[in-house]
Structure formats: structure tokens, C-alpha cells
Amino acid sequence: MKIISSRLHGILDYLMVVFLLASPILFEMENPLAGFIYGLAAIHFLLTVLTKFELGIIRIIPLAVHGLIEFFVSVALVLVSFWFNKNGNETGYYYCLFLALAIMLLFVLTDYRRKR
């Protein structure tokens, strides 16, 4: 069931960027986790700005491609979470798993067939 419109997806993307930028401070993250999260925030912001949808600014990337990128990012975050766990960073492990789940849920619930 696709209950998230492209407009709502854009709003959630920008909120995600704010959440990512605030997370290292809120959760008292240290490097390399904090640096990774700041980098992820920058990439997510760039992806959102470049996407062809209502809240995109430059509108180069098709919305369906945006969705596929988010899908692969969520899979990669699961793998990264295990790396943090292996290196003794419990915060990184749980944070990346939570983020992967949130992004995957957004992917599954978004209607990527844009209707005007």
C-alpha cells in the first residue's frame, strides 16, 4: 500500500536531513560515526535537492531513481551497522539499523509514480 505521496516524501526527506544533522549532538556520537552521519546528511540533502518532484530544486534525478538509491542506502546501512558493531560502537550499530529500517519503510510506502 503506497500511502506516501511524492510531496510528503520530499517533506520527510528534508526532515531526515535535519534529524541526521542533529543526531551526532543529540546522541553524543564521536568519530567515525559522527562524520559518517554528517556525510550521509549531505548526500541525502543533495539527493533531495536534485530530485524531480515538488520539493526538488534542480530536478535532475527521476523520482523512481531517487527511490532506488534510498533502497540501496538502507541495505548499505545494515551492512555498516554490523561494521560499527564489530568495532565496538553500539550506538552506531543501533542507530544505523534504525535508520535503515526508517528509510526502507519510506521506500515501501512511497508512491513513486508521480501524479500531478
N, C-alpha and C. Protein backbone atom coordinates (compact mmCIF):
# COMPACT_ATOMS: atom_id res chain seq x y z
N MET A 1 0.84 -1.18 0.00
CA MET A 1 0.00 0.00 0.00
C MET A 1 0.89 1.24 0.00
N LYS A 2 0.77 2.05 -1.03
CA LYS A 2 1.58 3.25 -1.21
C LYS A 2 0.82 4.46 -0.67
N ILE A 3 1.09 4.82 0.57
CA ILE A 3 0.32 5.89 1.21
C ILE A 3 1.07 7.22 1.30
N ILE A 4 2.33 7.23 0.90
CA ILE A 4 3.12 8.47 0.97
C ILE A 4 3.25 9.06 -0.43
N SER A 5 2.77 10.27 -0.60
CA SER A 5 2.87 10.97 -1.89
C SER A 5 4.29 11.47 -2.08
N SER A 6 4.59 11.87 -3.32
CA SER A 6 5.92 12.42 -3.58
C SER A 6 6.15 13.71 -2.78
N ARG A 7 5.12 14.50 -2.62
CA ARG A 7 5.26 15.74 -1.83
C ARG A 7 5.58 15.44 -0.38
N LEU A 8 4.83 14.51 0.21
CA LEU A 8 5.09 14.13 1.60
C LEU A 8 6.48 13.49 1.72
N HIS A 9 6.86 12.71 0.73
CA HIS A 9 8.19 12.10 0.74
C HIS A 9 9.26 13.19 0.78
N GLY A 10 9.07 14.25 0.00
CA GLY A 10 10.03 15.35 0.00
C GLY A 10 10.13 16.02 1.36
N ILE A 11 8.98 16.24 1.98
CA ILE A 11 8.97 16.83 3.32
C ILE A 11 9.72 15.93 4.29
N LEU A 12 9.44 14.63 4.24
CA LEU A 12 10.12 13.68 5.12
C LEU A 12 11.62 13.62 4.84
N ASP A 13 12.01 13.76 3.58
CA ASP A 13 13.44 13.79 3.24
C ASP A 13 14.14 14.98 3.90
N TYR A 14 13.54 16.16 3.80
CA TYR A 14 14.16 17.33 4.42
C TYR A 14 14.20 17.20 5.95
N LEU A 15 13.15 16.62 6.52
CA LEU A 15 13.15 16.37 7.97
C LEU A 15 14.24 15.35 8.34
N MET A 16 14.45 14.38 7.47
CA MET A 16 15.50 13.39 7.71
C MET A 16 16.87 14.06 7.73
N VAL A 17 17.08 15.00 6.83
CA VAL A 17 18.36 15.72 6.80
C VAL A 17 18.57 16.47 8.12
N VAL A 18 17.54 17.13 8.61
CA VAL A 18 17.64 17.84 9.89
C VAL A 18 17.94 16.86 11.02
N PHE A 19 17.24 15.73 11.02
CA PHE A 19 17.48 14.69 12.03
C PHE A 19 18.92 14.18 11.97
N LEU A 20 19.40 13.93 10.76
CA LEU A 20 20.78 13.44 10.61
C LEU A 20 21.79 14.48 11.10
N LEU A 21 21.55 15.73 10.79
CA LEU A 21 22.48 16.78 11.24
C LEU A 21 22.46 16.95 12.76
N ALA A 22 21.32 16.75 13.38
CA ALA A 22 21.21 16.90 14.82
C ALA A 22 21.67 15.66 15.59
N SER A 23 21.65 14.52 14.96
CA SER A 23 21.93 13.25 15.64
C SER A 23 23.27 13.16 16.35
N PRO A 24 24.38 13.58 15.72
CA PRO A 24 25.66 13.46 16.43
C PRO A 24 25.68 14.22 17.76
N ILE A 25 24.97 15.34 17.83
CA ILE A 25 24.91 16.11 19.07
C ILE A 25 23.92 15.46 20.04
N LEU A 26 22.73 15.12 19.52
CA LEU A 26 21.69 14.54 20.38
C LEU A 26 22.12 13.21 21.01
N PHE A 27 22.81 12.39 20.23
CA PHE A 27 23.19 11.06 20.70
C PHE A 27 24.66 10.97 21.12
N GLU A 28 25.31 12.14 21.24
CA GLU A 28 26.70 12.23 21.69
C GLU A 28 27.61 11.27 20.92
N MET A 29 27.52 11.34 19.59
CA MET A 29 28.32 10.48 18.72
C MET A 29 29.72 11.05 18.56
N GLU A 30 30.67 10.15 18.48
CA GLU A 30 32.05 10.54 18.20
C GLU A 30 32.43 10.01 16.83
N ASN A 31 33.56 10.48 16.32
CA ASN A 31 34.05 9.94 15.05
C ASN A 31 34.45 8.50 15.22
N PRO A 32 34.32 7.65 14.25
CA PRO A 32 33.93 7.93 12.86
C PRO A 32 32.43 7.99 12.63
N LEU A 33 31.61 7.65 13.62
CA LEU A 33 30.16 7.64 13.44
C LEU A 33 29.63 9.03 13.12
N ALA A 34 30.05 10.04 13.87
CA ALA A 34 29.55 11.40 13.63
C ALA A 34 29.89 11.86 12.22
N GLY A 35 31.09 11.63 11.78
CA GLY A 35 31.48 12.01 10.43
C GLY A 35 30.68 11.29 9.37
N PHE A 36 30.42 10.02 9.61
CA PHE A 36 29.61 9.22 8.68
C PHE A 36 28.20 9.80 8.59
N ILE A 37 27.61 10.14 9.71
CA ILE A 37 26.24 10.66 9.74
C ILE A 37 26.17 12.04 9.08
N TYR A 38 27.17 12.90 9.33
CA TYR A 38 27.18 14.20 8.67
C TYR A 38 27.31 14.03 7.15
N GLY A 39 28.15 13.10 6.73
CA GLY A 39 28.29 12.81 5.30
C GLY A 39 27.00 12.30 4.70
N LEU A 40 26.32 11.42 5.42
CA LEU A 40 25.04 10.89 4.97
C LEU A 40 24.01 12.01 4.85
N ALA A 41 24.03 12.94 5.80
CA ALA A 41 23.10 14.09 5.75
C ALA A 41 23.36 14.92 4.49
N ALA A 42 24.61 15.17 4.18
CA ALA A 42 24.95 15.96 2.99
C ALA A 42 24.51 15.25 1.72
N ILE A 43 24.73 13.96 1.65
CA ILE A 43 24.33 13.19 0.46
C ILE A 43 22.81 13.16 0.33
N HIS A 44 22.12 12.96 1.44
CA HIS A 44 20.66 12.90 1.41
C HIS A 44 20.08 14.26 0.99
N PHE A 45 20.68 15.33 1.49
CA PHE A 45 20.24 16.67 1.09
C PHE A 45 20.44 16.87 -0.41
N LEU A 46 21.60 16.51 -0.90
CA LEU A 46 21.90 16.65 -2.33
C LEU A 46 20.94 15.83 -3.18
N LEU A 47 20.67 14.59 -2.76
CA LEU A 47 19.73 13.74 -3.49
C LEU A 47 18.34 14.38 -3.53
N THR A 48 17.90 14.93 -2.43
CA THR A 48 16.57 15.53 -2.36
C THR A 48 16.49 16.79 -3.22
N VAL A 49 17.50 17.61 -3.16
CA VAL A 49 17.53 18.85 -3.95
C VAL A 49 17.53 18.55 -5.44
N LEU A 50 18.20 17.46 -5.85
CA LEU A 50 18.35 17.13 -7.26
C LEU A 50 17.21 16.28 -7.83
N THR A 51 16.25 15.89 -7.00
CA THR A 51 15.18 15.00 -7.45
C THR A 51 14.05 15.76 -8.14
N LYS A 52 13.51 15.14 -9.21
CA LYS A 52 12.38 15.71 -9.96
C LYS A 52 11.09 15.41 -9.22
N PHE A 53 10.77 16.25 -8.24
CA PHE A 53 9.49 16.20 -7.56
C PHE A 53 9.20 17.57 -6.99
N GLU A 54 8.04 17.71 -6.38
CA GLU A 54 7.57 19.02 -5.96
C GLU A 54 8.57 19.81 -5.12
N LEU A 55 9.32 19.15 -4.28
CA LEU A 55 10.24 19.84 -3.38
C LEU A 55 11.69 19.81 -3.85
N GLY A 56 11.92 19.25 -5.02
CA GLY A 56 13.26 19.30 -5.60
C GLY A 56 13.56 20.71 -6.09
N ILE A 57 14.82 21.07 -6.11
CA ILE A 57 15.17 22.43 -6.52
C ILE A 57 15.76 22.43 -7.93
N ILE A 58 16.69 21.51 -8.20
CA ILE A 58 17.33 21.46 -9.51
C ILE A 58 16.65 20.44 -10.42
N ARG A 59 16.06 19.41 -9.88
CA ARG A 59 15.21 18.44 -10.56
C ARG A 59 15.88 17.73 -11.73
N ILE A 60 16.92 16.99 -11.42
CA ILE A 60 17.65 16.21 -12.42
C ILE A 60 17.35 14.72 -12.29
N ILE A 61 17.26 14.22 -11.08
CA ILE A 61 17.13 12.78 -10.81
C ILE A 61 15.65 12.39 -10.80
N PRO A 62 15.27 11.40 -11.63
CA PRO A 62 13.88 10.94 -11.61
C PRO A 62 13.51 10.40 -10.22
N LEU A 63 12.24 10.59 -9.85
CA LEU A 63 11.78 10.16 -8.53
C LEU A 63 11.99 8.66 -8.32
N ALA A 64 11.78 7.85 -9.36
CA ALA A 64 11.96 6.41 -9.23
C ALA A 64 13.43 6.07 -8.93
N VAL A 65 14.35 6.80 -9.54
CA VAL A 65 15.78 6.58 -9.27
C VAL A 65 16.10 7.00 -7.84
N HIS A 66 15.51 8.08 -7.40
CA HIS A 66 15.66 8.53 -6.01
C HIS A 66 15.25 7.40 -5.06
N GLY A 67 14.12 6.77 -5.36
CA GLY A 67 13.66 5.65 -4.53
C GLY A 67 14.63 4.48 -4.53
N LEU A 68 15.16 4.14 -5.69
CA LEU A 68 16.13 3.03 -5.76
C LEU A 68 17.40 3.36 -4.97
N ILE A 69 17.83 4.59 -5.04
CA ILE A 69 19.01 5.00 -4.27
C ILE A 69 18.73 4.84 -2.78
N GLU A 70 17.56 5.26 -2.34
CA GLU A 70 17.21 5.10 -0.92
C GLU A 70 17.14 3.63 -0.53
N PHE A 71 16.63 2.79 -1.42
CA PHE A 71 16.60 1.35 -1.15
C PHE A 71 18.01 0.82 -0.91
N PHE A 72 18.93 1.14 -1.82
CA PHE A 72 20.30 0.64 -1.69
C PHE A 72 21.02 1.26 -0.48
N VAL A 73 20.70 2.49 -0.16
CA VAL A 73 21.28 3.11 1.04
C VAL A 73 20.81 2.36 2.29
N SER A 74 19.54 1.97 2.32
CA SER A 74 19.05 1.24 3.50
C SER A 74 19.74 -0.11 3.64
N VAL A 75 19.98 -0.79 2.53
CA VAL A 75 20.70 -2.07 2.57
C VAL A 75 22.14 -1.83 3.03
N ALA A 76 22.77 -0.79 2.50
CA ALA A 76 24.15 -0.48 2.89
C ALA A 76 24.23 -0.11 4.37
N LEU A 77 23.22 0.56 4.88
CA LEU A 77 23.23 0.93 6.31
C LEU A 77 23.18 -0.29 7.21
N VAL A 78 22.51 -1.35 6.79
CA VAL A 78 22.51 -2.59 7.57
C VAL A 78 23.93 -3.14 7.64
N LEU A 79 24.61 -3.14 6.50
CA LEU A 79 26.00 -3.63 6.48
C LEU A 79 26.91 -2.75 7.33
N VAL A 80 26.74 -1.45 7.22
CA VAL A 80 27.54 -0.51 8.01
C VAL A 80 27.28 -0.70 9.50
N SER A 81 26.04 -0.99 9.85
CA SER A 81 25.72 -1.20 11.27
C SER A 81 26.52 -2.37 11.85
N PHE A 82 26.68 -3.42 11.04
CA PHE A 82 27.46 -4.56 11.52
C PHE A 82 28.94 -4.20 11.65
N TRP A 83 29.42 -3.30 10.80
CA TRP A 83 30.81 -2.84 10.93
C TRP A 83 30.98 -2.08 12.24
N PHE A 84 30.03 -1.20 12.55
CA PHE A 84 30.11 -0.46 13.81
C PHE A 84 30.03 -1.42 15.00
N ASN A 85 29.19 -2.41 14.92
CA ASN A 85 29.06 -3.39 16.00
C ASN A 85 30.38 -4.16 16.19
N LYS A 86 30.98 -4.57 15.08
CA LYS A 86 32.25 -5.30 15.14
C LYS A 86 33.36 -4.46 15.78
N ASN A 87 33.26 -3.16 15.58
CA ASN A 87 34.28 -2.26 16.12
C ASN A 87 33.88 -1.66 17.47
N GLY A 88 32.90 -2.26 18.12
CA GLY A 88 32.55 -1.87 19.48
C GLY A 88 31.74 -0.60 19.61
N ASN A 89 31.13 -0.14 18.54
CA ASN A 89 30.33 1.08 18.61
C ASN A 89 28.86 0.70 18.63
N GLU A 90 28.34 0.49 19.81
CA GLU A 90 26.95 0.06 19.97
C GLU A 90 25.97 1.12 19.48
N THR A 91 26.28 2.38 19.73
CA THR A 91 25.42 3.47 19.26
C THR A 91 25.32 3.44 17.74
N GLY A 92 26.45 3.28 17.07
CA GLY A 92 26.47 3.22 15.61
C GLY A 92 25.69 2.03 15.09
N TYR A 93 25.81 0.91 15.78
CA TYR A 93 25.10 -0.30 15.38
C TYR A 93 23.59 -0.07 15.40
N TYR A 94 23.06 0.36 16.53
CA TYR A 94 21.61 0.54 16.65
C TYR A 94 21.11 1.72 15.82
N TYR A 95 21.87 2.78 15.77
CA TYR A 95 21.46 3.96 15.01
C TYR A 95 21.33 3.61 13.53
N CYS A 96 22.34 2.95 12.98
CA CYS A 96 22.30 2.61 11.55
C CYS A 96 21.21 1.59 11.24
N LEU A 97 20.95 0.66 12.15
CA LEU A 97 19.85 -0.28 11.93
C LEU A 97 18.50 0.44 11.93
N PHE A 98 18.31 1.34 12.89
CA PHE A 98 17.08 2.13 12.96
C PHE A 98 16.90 2.96 11.69
N LEU A 99 17.98 3.61 11.26
CA LEU A 99 17.93 4.45 10.07
C LEU A 99 17.62 3.60 8.83
N ALA A 100 18.23 2.43 8.73
CA ALA A 100 17.96 1.53 7.61
C ALA A 100 16.49 1.14 7.57
N LEU A 101 15.94 0.83 8.73
CA LEU A 101 14.53 0.46 8.81
C LEU A 101 13.63 1.63 8.41
N ALA A 102 13.95 2.83 8.88
CA ALA A 102 13.14 4.01 8.56
C ALA A 102 13.18 4.30 7.06
N ILE A 103 14.36 4.23 6.45
CA ILE A 103 14.48 4.51 5.02
C ILE A 103 13.79 3.43 4.20
N MET A 104 13.91 2.17 4.62
CA MET A 104 13.23 1.08 3.90
C MET A 104 11.71 1.22 4.00
N LEU A 105 11.23 1.62 5.16
CA LEU A 105 9.80 1.83 5.33
C LEU A 105 9.31 2.96 4.43
N LEU A 106 10.08 4.02 4.34
CA LEU A 106 9.75 5.13 3.45
C LEU A 106 9.73 4.66 2.00
N PHE A 107 10.69 3.82 1.63
CA PHE A 107 10.75 3.28 0.27
C PHE A 107 9.50 2.46 -0.04
N VAL A 108 9.13 1.59 0.88
CA VAL A 108 7.99 0.69 0.66
C VAL A 108 6.66 1.44 0.60
N LEU A 109 6.53 2.50 1.38
CA LEU A 109 5.25 3.20 1.48
C LEU A 109 5.07 4.37 0.51
N THR A 110 6.12 4.72 -0.24
CA THR A 110 6.03 5.86 -1.13
C THR A 110 5.52 5.46 -2.51
N ASP A 111 4.63 6.28 -3.04
CA ASP A 111 4.16 6.11 -4.42
C ASP A 111 5.11 6.88 -5.33
N TYR A 112 5.99 6.16 -6.02
CA TYR A 112 7.00 6.82 -6.86
C TYR A 112 6.46 7.16 -8.25
N ARG A 113 5.23 6.78 -8.54
CA ARG A 113 4.61 7.17 -9.81
C ARG A 113 3.97 8.52 -9.60
N ARG A 114 4.65 9.55 -9.98
CA ARG A 114 4.19 10.90 -9.70
C ARG A 114 2.94 11.23 -10.50
N LYS A 115 1.94 11.73 -9.78
CA LYS A 115 0.68 12.15 -10.40
C LYS A 115 0.49 13.62 -10.10
N ARG A 116 0.27 14.41 -11.12
CA ARG A 116 0.07 15.85 -10.93
C ARG A 116 -1.40 16.16 -10.89
